[in-house]
Each structure stands twice: as structure tokens, then as C-alpha cells.
Amino acid sequence: MEPSAKPKPPAPRPDGFVLVLVATALAAVTPFVSLHLGYRAFDLDPRLVRLETMMTLPFFFVLMLPIILLILVLIRGRNLRPSFRSLIVLAPVLVLCGPRWVEAAFDPADPRIPFFKGMNAQLPKDAADFKAWFSHAPGETKYMFSFRCSPESTDTLLASAPYKAVENPTMLDPDFSRFYQLPIGGLTVPRGWPEPKTWSGLKVHQSEVSGGYRYLMTDESRTQVFILVGDT
């Protein structure tokens, strides 16, 4: 007689502590993944990712982690398939993070939309080397845009709203200095972007915006444009 086949050993059960670590890691990387994927057409303020992570992790530890621990207690000792057990334990964090991943992947932000909202004008059709930057904090959103275009397109942008020239733009006047990301007066510009401070005949134009600000910078030839818009 042939010896009977040995029964297959049961699949190892995922350790509860490991699943908690996986859930924590998913919650921690979600802000980074969703922002860089959803805003892939933008350069991002690195502080934005840190802020989003700081806001997500407390929510996870206060609300999601107790639910995950409760699930581990309820299924303890039950004969569940390892994959099903893992799915049940990770379900809360998947519900929290999954929609953000899907939205970021399939509905990314279009920089032309905030450009139009901030400038009350369309991006010029002849805009070249277009760059967009985004930052967000509670109650405050900032955008930067940089591109090259014809002088006529620059004039069209300046005609889209009432602008006034800012005198002595290399000095930070009290109004101007409120905005930490202005690319003049020694403050920073996103890495790899044109530096308006180096432009010949830099001109800074300001337009009054209720609850926000709008600045348009251009060089002497009006072919290089740098824009800052935001709300405060």
C-alpha cells in the first residue's frame, strides 16, 4: 500500500503586530503618495507633505488604531484564511486611504484651473516652459507660476485686472514681506525655476484681491513671467 499523503501544513497566520505596523506605514505614506500623484503637474512645498502627515497620523492613532486593535481581539482564535484575516484587520486604514489613492491616480490636479481662478484669465496659448508650484495650510493656499510668452500675452494678463507697479521691488516693503515665498528680496524660488531677481529690468505688478494677493513679475522685454497668487 502506498503511504498516505501528508496533510498540507496550515498557512502561517499574519502576526497582529505586523499588521498594525503595515497599517501605520500605509497611513504614514498616504500623504506623500497622494500629494505627489495627485499634484504631479506641480512642484510641491515640502512643508505641505510634512503637514499632511502630521494631520493624518494623529487621526489614525486616535480613531483607526483602536478599531484595528478591536478587530484583532474579536477575531482572535478564529480559523480564518490568512488573506481574509489580513484584509479584515487592514480594512479601516484601506477605507481611510484608498479613496485618496484612487482620486490622486485618476483625477490629478490641473494647474490651469488654479491659474484661471487666481488670475481671472486663461493661461496664454503661447506659454512655454510652464511651471506650477503649490502649497496649502489651514486657511491659506499659495500658487506660483512661471513661463515665457509673447509681450502681447503678458499685456493681456496685465489688462485682465487692475494692476499697480510696486516701487523698489528689490526691497521688501511691509505689505510685500507678509508673503514668505516671494521670489525677490532674498527669499526662495522653487529649485530649477527662473530667478526673477536676475532678470534685466524686473517689474513687479500687484493687483488687489479680497482675502488674498496677486503679483505678476516680468522682465524688461515682458517675455518672462512669474506669478504668485494665494489667499490668506
Protein backbone atom coordinates (compact mmCIF):
# COMPACT_ATOMS: atom_id res chain seq x y z
CA MET A 1 0.00 0.00 0.00
CA GLU A 2 1.18 3.48 -0.82
CA PRO A 3 1.75 5.69 2.16
CA SER A 4 -0.97 8.27 2.62
CA ALA A 5 -0.13 11.82 1.55
CA LYS A 6 0.89 14.09 4.36
CA PRO A 7 -1.63 16.85 5.09
CA LYS A 8 -0.54 20.31 4.00
CA PRO A 9 0.59 22.43 6.92
CA PRO A 10 -1.69 25.37 7.61
CA ALA A 11 -0.61 28.66 6.13
CA PRO A 12 1.05 30.91 8.69
CA ARG A 13 -1.26 33.48 10.17
CA PRO A 14 -0.20 37.11 9.81
CA ASP A 15 1.02 38.37 13.15
CA GLY A 16 -1.24 41.05 14.62
CA PHE A 17 1.70 43.28 15.50
CA VAL A 18 2.97 43.09 11.92
CA LEU A 19 -0.46 44.04 10.58
CA VAL A 20 -0.56 47.04 12.90
CA LEU A 21 2.85 48.12 11.58
CA VAL A 22 1.64 47.70 7.99
CA ALA A 23 -1.46 49.79 8.73
CA THR A 24 0.67 52.51 10.34
CA ALA A 25 3.04 52.55 7.36
CA LEU A 26 0.12 52.85 4.92
CA ALA A 27 -1.28 55.80 6.86
CA ALA A 28 2.17 57.44 7.04
CA VAL A 29 2.96 57.22 3.30
CA THR A 30 -0.52 58.15 2.10
CA PRO A 31 0.03 61.96 2.27
CA PHE A 32 3.29 61.65 0.32
CA VAL A 33 1.84 59.32 -2.32
CA SER A 34 -1.48 61.13 -2.75
CA LEU A 35 0.09 64.60 -2.98
CA HIS A 36 2.87 63.68 -5.39
CA LEU A 37 0.50 61.60 -7.50
CA GLY A 38 -2.46 63.98 -7.41
CA TYR A 39 -0.31 67.08 -7.95
CA ARG A 40 2.17 65.51 -10.35
CA ALA A 41 1.94 68.55 -12.65
CA PHE A 42 3.14 70.79 -9.77
CA ASP A 43 6.25 71.32 -7.70
CA LEU A 44 5.20 70.96 -4.07
CA ASP A 45 6.17 72.81 -0.94
CA PRO A 46 7.95 70.10 1.14
CA ARG A 47 6.33 71.51 4.25
CA LEU A 48 2.96 70.59 2.78
CA VAL A 49 3.81 66.86 2.86
CA ARG A 50 5.02 67.12 6.45
CA LEU A 51 1.89 68.99 7.48
CA GLU A 52 -0.41 66.45 5.82
CA THR A 53 1.46 63.60 7.54
CA MET A 54 1.22 65.36 10.91
CA MET A 55 -2.55 65.74 10.40
CA THR A 56 -3.10 62.15 9.18
CA LEU A 57 -1.15 60.20 11.82
CA PRO A 58 -2.96 61.61 14.89
CA PHE A 59 -6.28 60.80 13.20
CA PHE A 60 -5.00 57.27 12.56
CA PHE A 61 -3.78 56.70 16.12
CA VAL A 62 -6.87 58.19 17.76
CA LEU A 63 -9.57 56.67 15.56
CA MET A 64 -8.21 53.93 13.29
CA LEU A 65 -5.77 52.15 15.62
CA PRO A 66 -8.35 51.40 18.35
CA ILE A 67 -10.66 49.94 15.69
CA ILE A 68 -7.85 47.75 14.33
CA LEU A 69 -6.99 46.53 17.84
CA LEU A 70 -10.66 45.79 18.50
CA ILE A 71 -10.84 43.75 15.27
CA LEU A 72 -7.77 41.76 16.35
CA VAL A 73 -9.43 40.98 19.67
CA LEU A 74 -12.71 39.93 18.03
CA ILE A 75 -11.08 37.57 15.51
CA ARG A 76 -8.58 36.13 17.95
CA GLY A 77 -8.70 32.33 17.88
CA ARG A 78 -10.97 32.19 14.85
CA ASN A 79 -9.97 29.90 12.00
CA LEU A 80 -9.77 32.49 9.20
CA ARG A 81 -7.83 32.31 5.98
CA PRO A 82 -4.65 34.41 6.34
CA SER A 83 -5.51 36.67 3.41
CA PHE A 84 -9.04 37.25 4.74
CA ARG A 85 -7.69 37.95 8.23
CA SER A 86 -5.23 40.50 6.86
CA LEU A 87 -7.96 42.19 4.81
CA ILE A 88 -10.27 42.47 7.83
CA VAL A 89 -7.56 43.95 10.03
CA LEU A 90 -6.37 46.43 7.39
CA ALA A 91 -9.89 47.38 6.29
CA PRO A 92 -10.11 50.59 8.40
CA VAL A 93 -6.88 52.05 7.02
CA LEU A 94 -7.81 50.97 3.48
CA VAL A 95 -11.13 52.78 3.86
CA LEU A 96 -9.26 55.85 5.12
CA CYS A 97 -6.50 55.88 2.49
CA GLY A 98 -7.96 54.05 -0.52
CA PRO A 99 -10.19 56.87 -1.81
CA ARG A 100 -7.27 59.30 -1.66
CA TRP A 101 -5.07 56.96 -3.72
CA VAL A 102 -7.80 56.46 -6.32
CA GLU A 103 -8.59 60.17 -6.60
CA ALA A 104 -4.90 61.07 -6.89
CA ALA A 105 -4.31 58.45 -9.57
CA PHE A 106 -7.36 59.10 -11.74
CA ASP A 107 -8.24 62.76 -11.07
CA PRO A 108 -4.96 64.71 -10.81
CA ALA A 109 -5.00 68.47 -10.31
CA ASP A 110 -4.72 70.59 -13.45
CA PRO A 111 -2.55 73.70 -12.87
CA ARG A 112 -4.52 75.66 -15.47
CA ILE A 113 -7.56 75.66 -13.15
CA PRO A 114 -5.93 77.46 -10.19
CA PHE A 115 -4.17 79.71 -12.68
CA PHE A 116 -7.53 80.84 -14.06
CA LYS A 117 -9.07 81.21 -10.59
CA GLY A 118 -6.12 83.16 -9.26
CA MET A 119 -5.51 85.36 -12.28
CA ASN A 120 -9.06 85.71 -13.62
CA ALA A 121 -7.54 84.94 -17.01
CA GLN A 122 -6.59 81.93 -19.07
CA LEU A 123 -3.03 80.73 -19.35
CA PRO A 124 -1.66 82.28 -22.58
CA LYS A 125 -1.82 79.89 -25.51
CA ASP A 126 1.78 80.66 -26.40
CA ALA A 127 3.06 79.96 -22.85
CA ALA A 128 6.26 77.88 -22.92
CA ASP A 129 8.32 76.26 -20.14
CA PHE A 130 5.25 76.43 -17.90
CA LYS A 131 5.88 75.55 -14.26
CA ALA A 132 3.44 75.46 -11.34
CA TRP A 133 4.04 75.29 -7.57
CA PHE A 134 1.51 74.56 -4.84
CA SER A 135 1.36 74.94 -1.06
CA HIS A 136 -1.53 74.65 1.34
CA ALA A 137 -2.05 75.22 5.04
CA PRO A 138 -5.27 75.58 7.05
CA GLY A 139 -6.97 78.71 5.73
CA GLU A 140 -4.15 79.51 3.31
CA THR A 141 -3.36 78.38 -0.24
CA LYS A 142 -0.43 79.55 -2.38
CA TYR A 143 0.47 79.06 -6.04
CA MET A 144 3.44 80.12 -8.13
CA PHE A 145 3.56 80.02 -11.91
CA SER A 146 6.44 80.64 -14.27
CA PHE A 147 6.52 80.67 -18.07
CA ARG A 148 7.66 82.50 -21.19
CA CYS A 149 5.27 84.12 -23.64
CA SER A 150 4.98 86.99 -26.09
CA PRO A 151 4.84 90.60 -24.82
CA GLU A 152 1.29 90.80 -26.16
CA SER A 153 0.22 87.85 -23.97
CA THR A 154 1.81 89.49 -20.94
CA ASP A 155 -0.05 92.71 -21.70
CA THR A 156 -3.30 90.72 -21.94
CA LEU A 157 -2.70 89.28 -18.46
CA LEU A 158 -1.97 92.74 -17.07
CA ALA A 159 -5.18 94.04 -18.66
CA SER A 160 -7.27 91.27 -17.05
CA ALA A 161 -7.24 93.02 -13.65
CA PRO A 162 -6.30 96.43 -12.24
CA TYR A 163 -2.55 96.20 -11.51
CA LYS A 164 -0.27 98.78 -9.98
CA ALA A 165 3.52 98.85 -10.17
CA VAL A 166 5.41 98.03 -6.97
CA GLU A 167 8.15 100.59 -6.41
CA ASN A 168 11.66 99.41 -5.45
CA PRO A 169 10.81 95.72 -5.90
CA THR A 170 14.24 94.61 -4.64
CA MET A 171 13.28 95.89 -1.18
CA LEU A 172 10.62 94.19 0.94
CA ASP A 173 8.05 96.80 1.86
CA PRO A 174 5.74 95.94 4.81
CA ASP A 175 2.93 94.74 2.53
CA PHE A 176 5.20 92.64 0.36
CA SER A 177 7.07 90.97 3.21
CA ARG A 178 3.97 89.21 4.55
CA PHE A 179 4.31 86.51 1.92
CA TYR A 180 7.24 84.27 2.79
CA GLN A 181 7.63 82.78 -0.70
CA LEU A 182 8.07 85.95 -2.75
CA PRO A 183 10.99 85.36 -5.14
CA ILE A 184 12.60 88.76 -4.54
CA GLY A 185 14.34 90.38 -1.62
CA GLY A 186 16.42 87.27 -0.81
CA LEU A 187 13.54 84.80 -0.43
CA THR A 188 13.35 81.45 -2.15
CA VAL A 189 12.23 80.24 -5.56
CA PRO A 190 11.49 76.55 -6.30
CA ARG A 191 14.64 74.72 -7.32
CA GLY A 192 15.29 74.74 -11.05
CA TRP A 193 12.97 77.70 -11.72
CA PRO A 194 13.95 81.01 -13.33
CA GLU A 195 15.13 83.60 -10.80
CA PRO A 196 13.22 86.87 -11.29
CA LYS A 197 15.87 88.70 -9.22
CA THR A 198 18.32 88.11 -12.07
CA TRP A 199 16.05 89.49 -14.80
CA SER A 200 17.03 92.68 -16.54
CA GLY A 201 14.55 95.45 -15.75
CA LEU A 202 12.46 93.41 -13.29
CA LYS A 203 8.96 94.85 -12.96
CA VAL A 204 6.55 93.79 -10.20
CA HIS A 205 2.83 94.38 -10.60
CA GLN A 206 0.30 93.96 -7.80
CA SER A 207 -3.47 93.58 -8.06
CA GLU A 208 -5.72 93.95 -5.04
CA VAL A 209 -7.60 90.73 -4.23
CA SER A 210 -10.17 90.39 -1.46
CA GLY A 211 -8.82 87.96 1.11
CA GLY A 212 -5.69 87.22 -0.88
CA TYR A 213 -2.94 88.56 -3.10
CA ARG A 214 -1.86 88.54 -6.74
CA TYR A 215 1.58 89.51 -8.05
CA LEU A 216 2.84 89.37 -11.62
CA MET A 217 6.55 89.83 -12.30
CA THR A 218 8.06 90.27 -15.72
CA ASP A 219 11.37 91.25 -17.25
CA GLU A 220 12.08 94.31 -19.36
CA SER A 221 11.07 92.54 -22.58
CA ARG A 222 7.83 91.24 -20.97
CA THR A 223 8.58 87.73 -22.29
CA GLN A 224 9.37 86.12 -18.94
CA VAL A 225 6.56 85.93 -16.39
CA PHE A 226 6.49 84.90 -12.74
CA ILE A 227 3.17 84.91 -10.85
CA LEU A 228 2.19 84.49 -7.21
CA VAL A 229 -1.41 84.12 -6.15
CA GLY A 230 -2.99 82.95 -2.96
CA ASP A 231 -5.44 83.53 -0.16
CA THR A 232 -4.76 84.36 3.46
